[in-house]
Amino acid sequence: MPKLIENKEKKFTLFLNKDRCGGCRACIAICPTGILELSDELNYRIAYVPKIKEGKAKYCTGCRRCEYCCPDWCIYVLEEEEIQAERAKT
């Protein structure tokens, strides 16, 4: 799964499943730090997917607002413990 942000200090990773994205821009609108923007990359649904603004990744707090508002369930935050638990399963 493509990582948008990996914050080792705060121990979370922001993932984006680009092929699920419908291009609704809800994640961009709801982000309290304003770090997301629309990229010029199209997915197979012919939707432009979000990306992190240049140099703004460090401002992500891992608040999960983007995750909670996404109707396509394509953007989500996993904390380090969750990632390690997933790796242990496989």
PDB file of N, CA and C in Angstrom:
ATOM      1  N   MET A   1       0.846  -1.177   0.000  1.00  0.00           N
ATOM      2  CA  MET A   1       0.000   0.000   0.000  1.00  0.00           C
ATOM      3  C   MET A   1       0.895   1.246   0.000  1.00  0.00           C
ATOM      4  N   PRO A   2       0.633   2.179  -0.870  1.00  0.00           N
ATOM      5  CA  PRO A   2       1.476   3.390  -0.920  1.00  0.00           C
ATOM      6  C   PRO A   2       1.353   4.244   0.342  1.00  0.00           C
ATOM      7  N   LYS A   3       2.499   4.625   0.865  1.00  0.00           N
ATOM      8  CA  LYS A   3       2.547   5.489   2.043  1.00  0.00           C
ATOM      9  C   LYS A   3       2.586   6.941   1.574  1.00  0.00           C
ATOM     10  N   LEU A   4       1.743   7.758   2.177  1.00  0.00           N
ATOM     11  CA  LEU A   4       1.827   9.194   1.932  1.00  0.00           C
ATOM     12  C   LEU A   4       2.787   9.824   2.924  1.00  0.00           C
ATOM     13  N   ILE A   5       2.684   9.395   4.178  1.00  0.00           N
ATOM     14  CA  ILE A   5       3.523   9.932   5.249  1.00  0.00           C
ATOM     15  C   ILE A   5       3.903   8.795   6.183  1.00  0.00           C
ATOM     16  N   GLU A   6       5.155   8.778   6.590  1.00  0.00           N
ATOM     17  CA  GLU A   6       5.591   7.878   7.651  1.00  0.00           C
ATOM     18  C   GLU A   6       6.265   8.743   8.707  1.00  0.00           C
ATOM     19  N   ASN A   7       5.603   8.884   9.840  1.00  0.00           N
ATOM     20  CA  ASN A   7       6.111   9.738  10.911  1.00  0.00           C
ATOM     21  C   ASN A   7       6.652   8.852  12.024  1.00  0.00           C
ATOM     22  N   LYS A   8       7.958   8.691  12.055  1.00  0.00           N
ATOM     23  CA  LYS A   8       8.595   7.825  13.052  1.00  0.00           C
ATOM     24  C   LYS A   8       8.534   8.420  14.452  1.00  0.00           C
ATOM     25  N   GLU A   9       8.563   9.743  14.537  1.00  0.00           N
ATOM     26  CA  GLU A   9       8.521  10.412  15.840  1.00  0.00           C
ATOM     27  C   GLU A   9       7.170  10.209  16.532  1.00  0.00           C
ATOM     28  N   LYS A  10       6.092  10.405  15.779  1.00  0.00           N
ATOM     29  CA  LYS A  10       4.743  10.257  16.345  1.00  0.00           C
ATOM     30  C   LYS A  10       4.205   8.837  16.180  1.00  0.00           C
ATOM     31  N   LYS A  11       4.967   7.993  15.505  1.00  0.00           N
ATOM     32  CA  LYS A  11       4.680   6.560  15.348  1.00  0.00           C
ATOM     33  C   LYS A  11       3.363   6.267  14.640  1.00  0.00           C
ATOM     34  N   PHE A  12       3.172   6.876  13.468  1.00  0.00           N
ATOM     35  CA  PHE A  12       2.030   6.544  12.629  1.00  0.00           C
ATOM     36  C   PHE A  12       2.425   6.669  11.157  1.00  0.00           C
ATOM     37  N   THR A  13       1.627   6.035  10.306  1.00  0.00           N
ATOM     38  CA  THR A  13       1.832   6.103   8.865  1.00  0.00           C
ATOM     39  C   THR A  13       0.487   6.391   8.215  1.00  0.00           C
ATOM     40  N   LEU A  14       0.479   7.295   7.252  1.00  0.00           N
ATOM     41  CA  LEU A  14      -0.714   7.635   6.476  1.00  0.00           C
ATOM     42  C   LEU A  14      -0.618   6.920   5.138  1.00  0.00           C
ATOM     43  N   PHE A  15      -1.596   6.084   4.841  1.00  0.00           N
ATOM     44  CA  PHE A  15      -1.620   5.297   3.617  1.00  0.00           C
ATOM     45  C   PHE A  15      -2.716   5.802   2.687  1.00  0.00           C
ATOM     46  N   LEU A  16      -2.523   5.565   1.390  1.00  0.00           N
ATOM     47  CA  LEU A  16      -3.543   5.894   0.387  1.00  0.00           C
ATOM     48  C   LEU A  16      -3.635   4.760  -0.616  1.00  0.00           C
ATOM     49  N   ASN A  17      -4.806   4.153  -0.712  1.00  0.00           N
ATOM     50  CA  ASN A  17      -5.066   3.159  -1.750  1.00  0.00           C
ATOM     51  C   ASN A  17      -5.581   3.936  -2.959  1.00  0.00           C
ATOM     52  N   LYS A  18      -4.686   4.266  -3.862  1.00  0.00           N
ATOM     53  CA  LYS A  18      -5.004   5.150  -4.982  1.00  0.00           C
ATOM     54  C   LYS A  18      -6.123   4.621  -5.868  1.00  0.00           C
ATOM     55  N   ASP A  19      -6.192   3.310  -6.053  1.00  0.00           N
ATOM     56  CA  ASP A  19      -7.200   2.749  -6.939  1.00  0.00           C
ATOM     57  C   ASP A  19      -8.614   2.816  -6.375  1.00  0.00           C
ATOM     58  N   ARG A  20      -8.760   2.965  -5.081  1.00  0.00           N
ATOM     59  CA  ARG A  20     -10.093   3.083  -4.470  1.00  0.00           C
ATOM     60  C   ARG A  20     -10.611   4.511  -4.485  1.00  0.00           C
ATOM     61  N   CYS A  21      -9.723   5.477  -4.633  1.00  0.00           N
ATOM     62  CA  CYS A  21     -10.094   6.892  -4.536  1.00  0.00           C
ATOM     63  C   CYS A  21     -11.053   7.298  -5.660  1.00  0.00           C
ATOM     64  N   GLY A  22     -12.125   7.967  -5.269  1.00  0.00           N
ATOM     65  CA  GLY A  22     -13.097   8.462  -6.237  1.00  0.00           C
ATOM     66  C   GLY A  22     -12.905   9.929  -6.578  1.00  0.00           C
ATOM     67  N   GLY A  23     -11.918  10.558  -5.964  1.00  0.00           N
ATOM     68  CA  GLY A  23     -11.619  11.954  -6.271  1.00  0.00           C
ATOM     69  C   GLY A  23     -12.600  12.952  -5.688  1.00  0.00           C
ATOM     70  N   CYS A  24     -13.227  12.623  -4.579  1.00  0.00           N
ATOM     71  CA  CYS A  24     -14.258  13.499  -4.005  1.00  0.00           C
ATOM     72  C   CYS A  24     -13.675  14.734  -3.305  1.00  0.00           C
ATOM     73  N   ARG A  25     -12.416  14.678  -2.932  1.00  0.00           N
ATOM     74  CA  ARG A  25     -11.698  15.785  -2.280  1.00  0.00           C
ATOM     75  C   ARG A  25     -12.123  16.044  -0.835  1.00  0.00           C
ATOM     76  N   ALA A  26     -12.871  15.148  -0.242  1.00  0.00           N
ATOM     77  CA  ALA A  26     -13.304  15.337   1.149  1.00  0.00           C
ATOM     78  C   ALA A  26     -12.104  15.386   2.085  1.00  0.00           C
ATOM     79  N   CYS A  27     -11.112  14.546   1.844  1.00  0.00           N
ATOM     80  CA  CYS A  27      -9.924  14.526   2.707  1.00  0.00           C
ATOM     81  C   CYS A  27      -9.170  15.855   2.641  1.00  0.00           C
ATOM     82  N   ILE A  28      -9.146  16.444   1.471  1.00  0.00           N
ATOM     83  CA  ILE A  28      -8.465  17.735   1.282  1.00  0.00           C
ATOM     84  C   ILE A  28      -9.209  18.824   2.048  1.00  0.00           C
ATOM     85  N   ALA A  29     -10.526  18.794   1.955  1.00  0.00           N
ATOM     86  CA  ALA A  29     -11.345  19.826   2.597  1.00  0.00           C
ATOM     87  C   ALA A  29     -11.316  19.730   4.118  1.00  0.00           C
ATOM     88  N   ILE A  30     -11.236  18.528   4.644  1.00  0.00           N
ATOM     89  CA  ILE A  30     -11.358  18.363   6.097  1.00  0.00           C
ATOM     90  C   ILE A  30     -10.026  18.417   6.840  1.00  0.00           C
ATOM     91  N   CYS A  31      -8.908  18.305   6.153  1.00  0.00           N
ATOM     92  CA  CYS A  31      -7.599  18.287   6.811  1.00  0.00           C
ATOM     93  C   CYS A  31      -7.365  19.586   7.582  1.00  0.00           C
ATOM     94  N   PRO A  32      -7.213  19.498   8.916  1.00  0.00           N
ATOM     95  CA  PRO A  32      -7.056  20.718   9.712  1.00  0.00           C
ATOM     96  C   PRO A  32      -5.722  21.431   9.485  1.00  0.00           C
ATOM     97  N   THR A  33      -4.726  20.704   8.990  1.00  0.00           N
ATOM     98  CA  THR A  33      -3.419  21.328   8.746  1.00  0.00           C
ATOM     99  C   THR A  33      -3.230  21.739   7.293  1.00  0.00           C
ATOM    100  N   GLY A  34      -4.152  21.359   6.421  1.00  0.00           N
ATOM    101  CA  GLY A  34      -4.094  21.768   5.022  1.00  0.00           C
ATOM    102  C   GLY A  34      -2.924  21.195   4.244  1.00  0.00           C
ATOM    103  N   ILE A  35      -2.509  19.982   4.582  1.00  0.00           N
ATOM    104  CA  ILE A  35      -1.333  19.413   3.916  1.00  0.00           C
ATOM    105  C   ILE A  35      -1.665  18.633   2.644  1.00  0.00           C
ATOM    106  N   LEU A  36      -2.928  18.360   2.408  1.00  0.00           N
ATOM    107  CA  LEU A  36      -3.317  17.580   1.229  1.00  0.00           C
ATOM    108  C   LEU A  36      -3.731  18.493   0.082  1.00  0.00           C
ATOM    109  N   GLU A  37      -3.424  18.037  -1.124  1.00  0.00           N
ATOM    110  CA  GLU A  37      -3.865  18.713  -2.333  1.00  0.00           C
ATOM    111  C   GLU A  37      -4.110  17.667  -3.401  1.00  0.00           C
ATOM    112  N   LEU A  38      -4.793  18.051  -4.464  1.00  0.00           N
ATOM    113  CA  LEU A  38      -5.059  17.141  -5.560  1.00  0.00           C
ATOM    114  C   LEU A  38      -3.820  17.014  -6.430  1.00  0.00           C
ATOM    115  N   SER A  39      -3.469  15.806  -6.769  1.00  0.00           N
ATOM    116  CA  SER A  39      -2.328  15.588  -7.656  1.00  0.00           C
ATOM    117  C   SER A  39      -2.830  15.604  -9.100  1.00  0.00           C
ATOM    118  N   ASP A  40      -1.908  15.491 -10.029  1.00  0.00           N
ATOM    119  CA  ASP A  40      -2.302  15.395 -11.435  1.00  0.00           C
ATOM    120  C   ASP A  40      -2.240  13.946 -11.905  1.00  0.00           C
ATOM    121  N   GLU A  41      -2.243  13.021 -10.938  1.00  0.00           N
ATOM    122  CA  GLU A  41      -2.221  11.589 -11.226  1.00  0.00           C
ATOM    123  C   GLU A  41      -3.640  11.036 -11.256  1.00  0.00           C
ATOM    124  N   LEU A  42      -3.982  10.378 -12.345  1.00  0.00           N
ATOM    125  CA  LEU A  42      -5.288   9.736 -12.474  1.00  0.00           C
ATOM    126  C   LEU A  42      -5.182   8.267 -12.098  1.00  0.00           C
ATOM    127  N   ASN A  43      -6.201   7.749 -11.426  1.00  0.00           N
ATOM    128  CA  ASN A  43      -6.250   6.319 -11.133  1.00  0.00           C
ATOM    129  C   ASN A  43      -7.147   5.621 -12.161  1.00  0.00           C
ATOM    130  N   TYR A  44      -7.400   4.345 -11.969  1.00  0.00           N
ATOM    131  CA  TYR A  44      -8.203   3.609 -12.940  1.00  0.00           C
ATOM    132  C   TYR A  44      -9.675   4.031 -12.932  1.00  0.00           C
ATOM    133  N   ARG A  45     -10.106   4.732 -11.894  1.00  0.00           N
ATOM    134  CA  ARG A  45     -11.478   5.257 -11.839  1.00  0.00           C
ATOM    135  C   ARG A  45     -11.576   6.623 -12.519  1.00  0.00           C
ATOM    136  N   ILE A  46     -10.497   7.042 -13.127  1.00  0.00           N
ATOM    137  CA  ILE A  46     -10.374   8.340 -13.791  1.00  0.00           C
ATOM    138  C   ILE A  46     -10.660   9.466 -12.804  1.00  0.00           C
ATOM    139  N   ALA A  47     -10.036   9.353 -11.654  1.00  0.00           N
ATOM    140  CA  ALA A  47     -10.155  10.351 -10.595  1.00  0.00           C
ATOM    141  C   ALA A  47      -8.754  10.817 -10.222  1.00  0.00           C
ATOM    142  N   TYR A  48      -8.628  12.095  -9.947  1.00  0.00           N
ATOM    143  CA  TYR A  48      -7.366  12.622  -9.456  1.00  0.00           C
ATOM    144  C   TYR A  48      -7.253  12.306  -7.974  1.00  0.00           C
ATOM    145  N   VAL A  49      -6.121  11.763  -7.581  1.00  0.00           N
ATOM    146  CA  VAL A  49      -5.927  11.334  -6.199  1.00  0.00           C
ATOM    147  C   VAL A  49      -5.208  12.414  -5.395  1.00  0.00           C
ATOM    148  N   PRO A  50      -5.393  12.413  -4.063  1.00  0.00           N
ATOM    149  CA  PRO A  50      -4.705  13.417  -3.236  1.00  0.00           C
ATOM    150  C   PRO A  50      -3.224  13.102  -3.094  1.00  0.00           C
ATOM    151  N   LYS A  51      -2.481  14.132  -2.759  1.00  0.00           N
ATOM    152  CA  LYS A  51      -1.059  13.979  -2.445  1.00  0.00           C
ATOM    153  C   LYS A  51      -0.726  14.970  -1.338  1.00  0.00           C
ATOM    154  N   ILE A  52       0.448  14.822  -0.780  1.00  0.00           N
ATOM    155  CA  ILE A  52       0.926  15.721   0.267  1.00  0.00           C
ATOM    156  C   ILE A  52       1.599  16.917  -0.400  1.00  0.00           C
ATOM    157  N   LYS A  53       1.272  18.108   0.062  1.00  0.00           N
ATOM    158  CA  LYS A  53       1.916  19.307  -0.465  1.00  0.00           C
ATOM    159  C   LYS A  53       3.413  19.244  -0.179  1.00  0.00           C
ATOM    160  N   GLU A  54       4.181  19.780  -1.086  1.00  0.00           N
ATOM    161  CA  GLU A  54       5.638  19.793  -0.967  1.00  0.00           C
ATOM    162  C   GLU A  54       6.076  20.397   0.370  1.00  0.00           C
ATOM    163  N   GLY A  55       6.857  19.624   1.130  1.00  0.00           N
ATOM    164  CA  GLY A  55       7.410  20.103   2.390  1.00  0.00           C
ATOM    165  C   GLY A  55       6.436  20.190   3.551  1.00  0.00           C
ATOM    166  N   LYS A  56       5.238  19.651   3.408  1.00  0.00           N
ATOM    167  CA  LYS A  56       4.224  19.781   4.462  1.00  0.00           C
ATOM    168  C   LYS A  56       3.980  18.492   5.254  1.00  0.00           C
ATOM    169  N   ALA A  57       4.628  17.405   4.893  1.00  0.00           N
ATOM    170  CA  ALA A  57       4.383  16.115   5.551  1.00  0.00           C
ATOM    171  C   ALA A  57       4.596  16.184   7.057  1.00  0.00           C
ATOM    172  N   LYS A  58       5.555  16.980   7.496  1.00  0.00           N
ATOM    173  CA  LYS A  58       5.859  17.058   8.932  1.00  0.00           C
ATOM    174  C   LYS A  58       4.716  17.657   9.750  1.00  0.00           C
ATOM    175  N   TYR A  59       3.760  18.294   9.103  1.00  0.00           N
ATOM    176  CA  TYR A  59       2.649  18.927   9.818  1.00  0.00           C
ATOM    177  C   TYR A  59       1.464  17.992  10.053  1.00  0.00           C
ATOM    178  N   CYS A  60       1.492  16.802   9.471  1.00  0.00           N
ATOM    179  CA  CYS A  60       0.416  15.839   9.696  1.00  0.00           C
ATOM    180  C   CYS A  60       0.443  15.388  11.147  1.00  0.00           C
ATOM    181  N   THR A  61      -0.708  15.437  11.793  1.00  0.00           N
ATOM    182  CA  THR A  61      -0.804  15.056  13.207  1.00  0.00           C
ATOM    183  C   THR A  61      -1.339  13.638  13.392  1.00  0.00           C
ATOM    184  N   GLY A  62      -1.785  13.012  12.320  1.00  0.00           N
ATOM    185  CA  GLY A  62      -2.366  11.678  12.430  1.00  0.00           C
ATOM    186  C   GLY A  62      -3.739  11.697  13.062  1.00  0.00           C
ATOM    187  N   CYS A  63      -4.474  12.783  12.890  1.00  0.00           N
ATOM    188  CA  CYS A  63      -5.774  12.964  13.555  1.00  0.00           C
ATOM    189  C   CYS A  63      -6.873  12.044  13.016  1.00  0.00           C
ATOM    190  N   ARG A  64      -6.676  11.479  11.841  1.00  0.00           N
ATOM    191  CA  ARG A  64      -7.608  10.540  11.196  1.00  0.00           C
ATOM    192  C   ARG A  64      -8.858  11.190  10.612  1.00  0.00           C
ATOM    193  N   ARG A  65      -8.936  12.500  10.573  1.00  0.00           N
ATOM    194  CA  ARG A  65     -10.127  13.138   9.987  1.00  0.00           C
ATOM    195  C   ARG A  65     -10.288  12.745   8.525  1.00  0.00           C
ATOM    196  N   CYS A  66      -9.185  12.666   7.798  1.00  0.00           N
ATOM    197  CA  CYS A  66      -9.250  12.259   6.393  1.00  0.00           C
ATOM    198  C   CYS A  66      -9.802  10.837   6.282  1.00  0.00           C
ATOM    199  N   GLU A  67      -9.353   9.984   7.180  1.00  0.00           N
ATOM    200  CA  GLU A  67      -9.804   8.592   7.199  1.00  0.00           C
ATOM    201  C   GLU A  67     -11.306   8.501   7.485  1.00  0.00           C
ATOM    202  N   TYR A  68     -11.761   9.232   8.483  1.00  0.00           N
ATOM    203  CA  TYR A  68     -13.161   9.150   8.895  1.00  0.00           C
ATOM    204  C   TYR A  68     -14.133   9.721   7.862  1.00  0.00           C
ATOM    205  N   CYS A  69     -13.688  10.694   7.073  1.00  0.00           N
ATOM    206  CA  CYS A  69     -14.612  11.317   6.122  1.00  0.00           C
ATOM    207  C   CYS A  69     -14.593  10.660   4.743  1.00  0.00           C
ATOM    208  N   CYS A  70     -13.639   9.797   4.474  1.00  0.00           N
ATOM    209  CA  CYS A  70     -13.499   9.213   3.132  1.00  0.00           C
ATOM    210  C   CYS A  70     -14.620   8.223   2.824  1.00  0.00           C
ATOM    211  N   PRO A  71     -15.447   8.509   1.815  1.00  0.00           N
ATOM    212  CA  PRO A  71     -16.541   7.595   1.479  1.00  0.00           C
ATOM    213  C   PRO A  71     -16.051   6.326   0.775  1.00  0.00           C
ATOM    214  N   ASP A  72     -14.832   6.353   0.251  1.00  0.00           N
ATOM    215  CA  ASP A  72     -14.283   5.206  -0.477  1.00  0.00           C
ATOM    216  C   ASP A  72     -13.337   4.359   0.367  1.00  0.00           C
ATOM    217  N   TRP A  73     -13.091   4.774   1.593  1.00  0.00           N
ATOM    218  CA  TRP A  73     -12.198   4.076   2.522  1.00  0.00           C
ATOM    219  C   TRP A  73     -10.826   3.846   1.892  1.00  0.00           C
ATOM    220  N   CYS A  74     -10.296   4.879   1.271  1.00  0.00           N
ATOM    221  CA  CYS A  74      -9.017   4.710   0.581  1.00  0.00           C
ATOM    222  C   CYS A  74      -7.852   5.358   1.310  1.00  0.00           C
ATOM    223  N   ILE A  75      -8.100   6.220   2.268  1.00  0.00           N
ATOM    224  CA  ILE A  75      -7.024   6.883   3.001  1.00  0.00           C
ATOM    225  C   ILE A  75      -7.178   6.533   4.472  1.00  0.00           C
ATOM    226  N   TYR A  76      -6.075   6.125   5.085  1.00  0.00           N
ATOM    227  CA  TYR A  76      -6.179   5.735   6.481  1.00  0.00           C
ATOM    228  C   TYR A  76      -4.839   5.842   7.191  1.00  0.00           C
ATOM    229  N   VAL A  77      -4.933   5.943   8.494  1.00  0.00           N
ATOM    230  CA  VAL A  77      -3.770   6.073   9.373  1.00  0.00           C
ATOM    231  C   VAL A  77      -3.626   4.782  10.168  1.00  0.00           C
ATOM    232  N   LEU A  78      -2.419   4.275  10.226  1.00  0.00           N
ATOM    233  CA  LEU A  78      -2.123   3.141  11.091  1.00  0.00           C
ATOM    234  C   LEU A  78      -1.027   3.553  12.054  1.00  0.00           C
ATOM    235  N   GLU A  79      -1.228   3.211  13.307  1.00  0.00           N
ATOM    236  CA  GLU A  79      -0.201   3.479  14.308  1.00  0.00           C
ATOM    237  C   GLU A  79       0.806   2.341  14.287  1.00  0.00           C
ATOM    238  N   GLU A  80       1.986   2.587  14.781  1.00  0.00           N
ATOM    239  CA  GLU A  80       3.090   1.625  14.726  1.00  0.00           C
ATOM    240  C   GLU A  80       2.686   0.259  15.277  1.00  0.00           C
ATOM    241  N   GLU A  81       1.923   0.240  16.372  1.00  0.00           N
ATOM    242  CA  GLU A  81       1.487  -1.029  16.960  1.00  0.00           C
ATOM    243  C   GLU A  81       0.599  -1.812  15.990  1.00  0.00           C
ATOM    244  N   GLU A  82      -0.269  -1.118  15.268  1.00  0.00           N
ATOM    245  CA  GLU A  82      -1.151  -1.769  14.305  1.00  0.00           C
ATOM    246  C   GLU A  82      -0.356  -2.347  13.142  1.00  0.00           C
ATOM    247  N   ILE A  83       0.649  -1.632  12.702  1.00  0.00           N
ATOM    248  CA  ILE A  83       1.488  -2.099  11.596  1.00  0.00           C
ATOM    249  C   ILE A  83       2.254  -3.346  12.014  1.00  0.00           C
ATOM    250  N   GLN A  84       2.814  -3.334  13.218  1.00  0.00           N
ATOM    251  CA  GLN A  84       3.552  -4.489  13.711  1.00  0.00           C
ATOM    252  C   GLN A  84       2.641  -5.700  13.894  1.00  0.00           C
ATOM    253  N   ALA A  85       1.407  -5.471  14.334  1.00  0.00           N
ATOM    254  CA  ALA A  85       0.452  -6.574  14.501  1.00  0.00           C
ATOM    255  C   ALA A  85       0.106  -7.192  13.153  1.00  0.00           C
ATOM    256  N   GLU A  86      -0.044  -6.363  12.116  1.00  0.00           N
ATOM    257  CA  GLU A  86      -0.337  -6.860  10.776  1.00  0.00           C
ATOM    258  C   GLU A  86       0.832  -7.672  10.236  1.00  0.00           C
ATOM    259  N   ARG A  87       2.035  -7.218  10.481  1.00  0.00           N
ATOM    260  CA  ARG A  87       3.231  -7.951  10.015  1.00  0.00           C
ATOM    261  C   ARG A  87       3.353  -9.292  10.723  1.00  0.00           C
ATOM    262  N   ALA A  88       2.969  -9.355  11.977  1.00  0.00           N
ATOM    263  CA  ALA A  88       3.063 -10.589  12.743  1.00  0.00           C
ATOM    264  C   ALA A  88       2.090 -11.640  12.229  1.00  0.00           C
ATOM    265  N   LYS A  89       0.965 -11.207  11.657  1.00  0.00           N
ATOM    266  CA  LYS A  89      -0.040 -12.129  11.131  1.00  0.00           C
ATOM    267  C   LYS A  89       0.464 -12.870   9.904  1.00  0.00           C
ATOM    268  N   THR A  90       1.320 -12.210   9.127  1.00  0.00           N
ATOM    269  CA  THR A  90       1.768 -12.830   7.867  1.00  0.00           C
ATOM    270  C   THR A  90       3.056 -13.579   8.008  1.00  0.00           C
TER     271      THR A  90
END
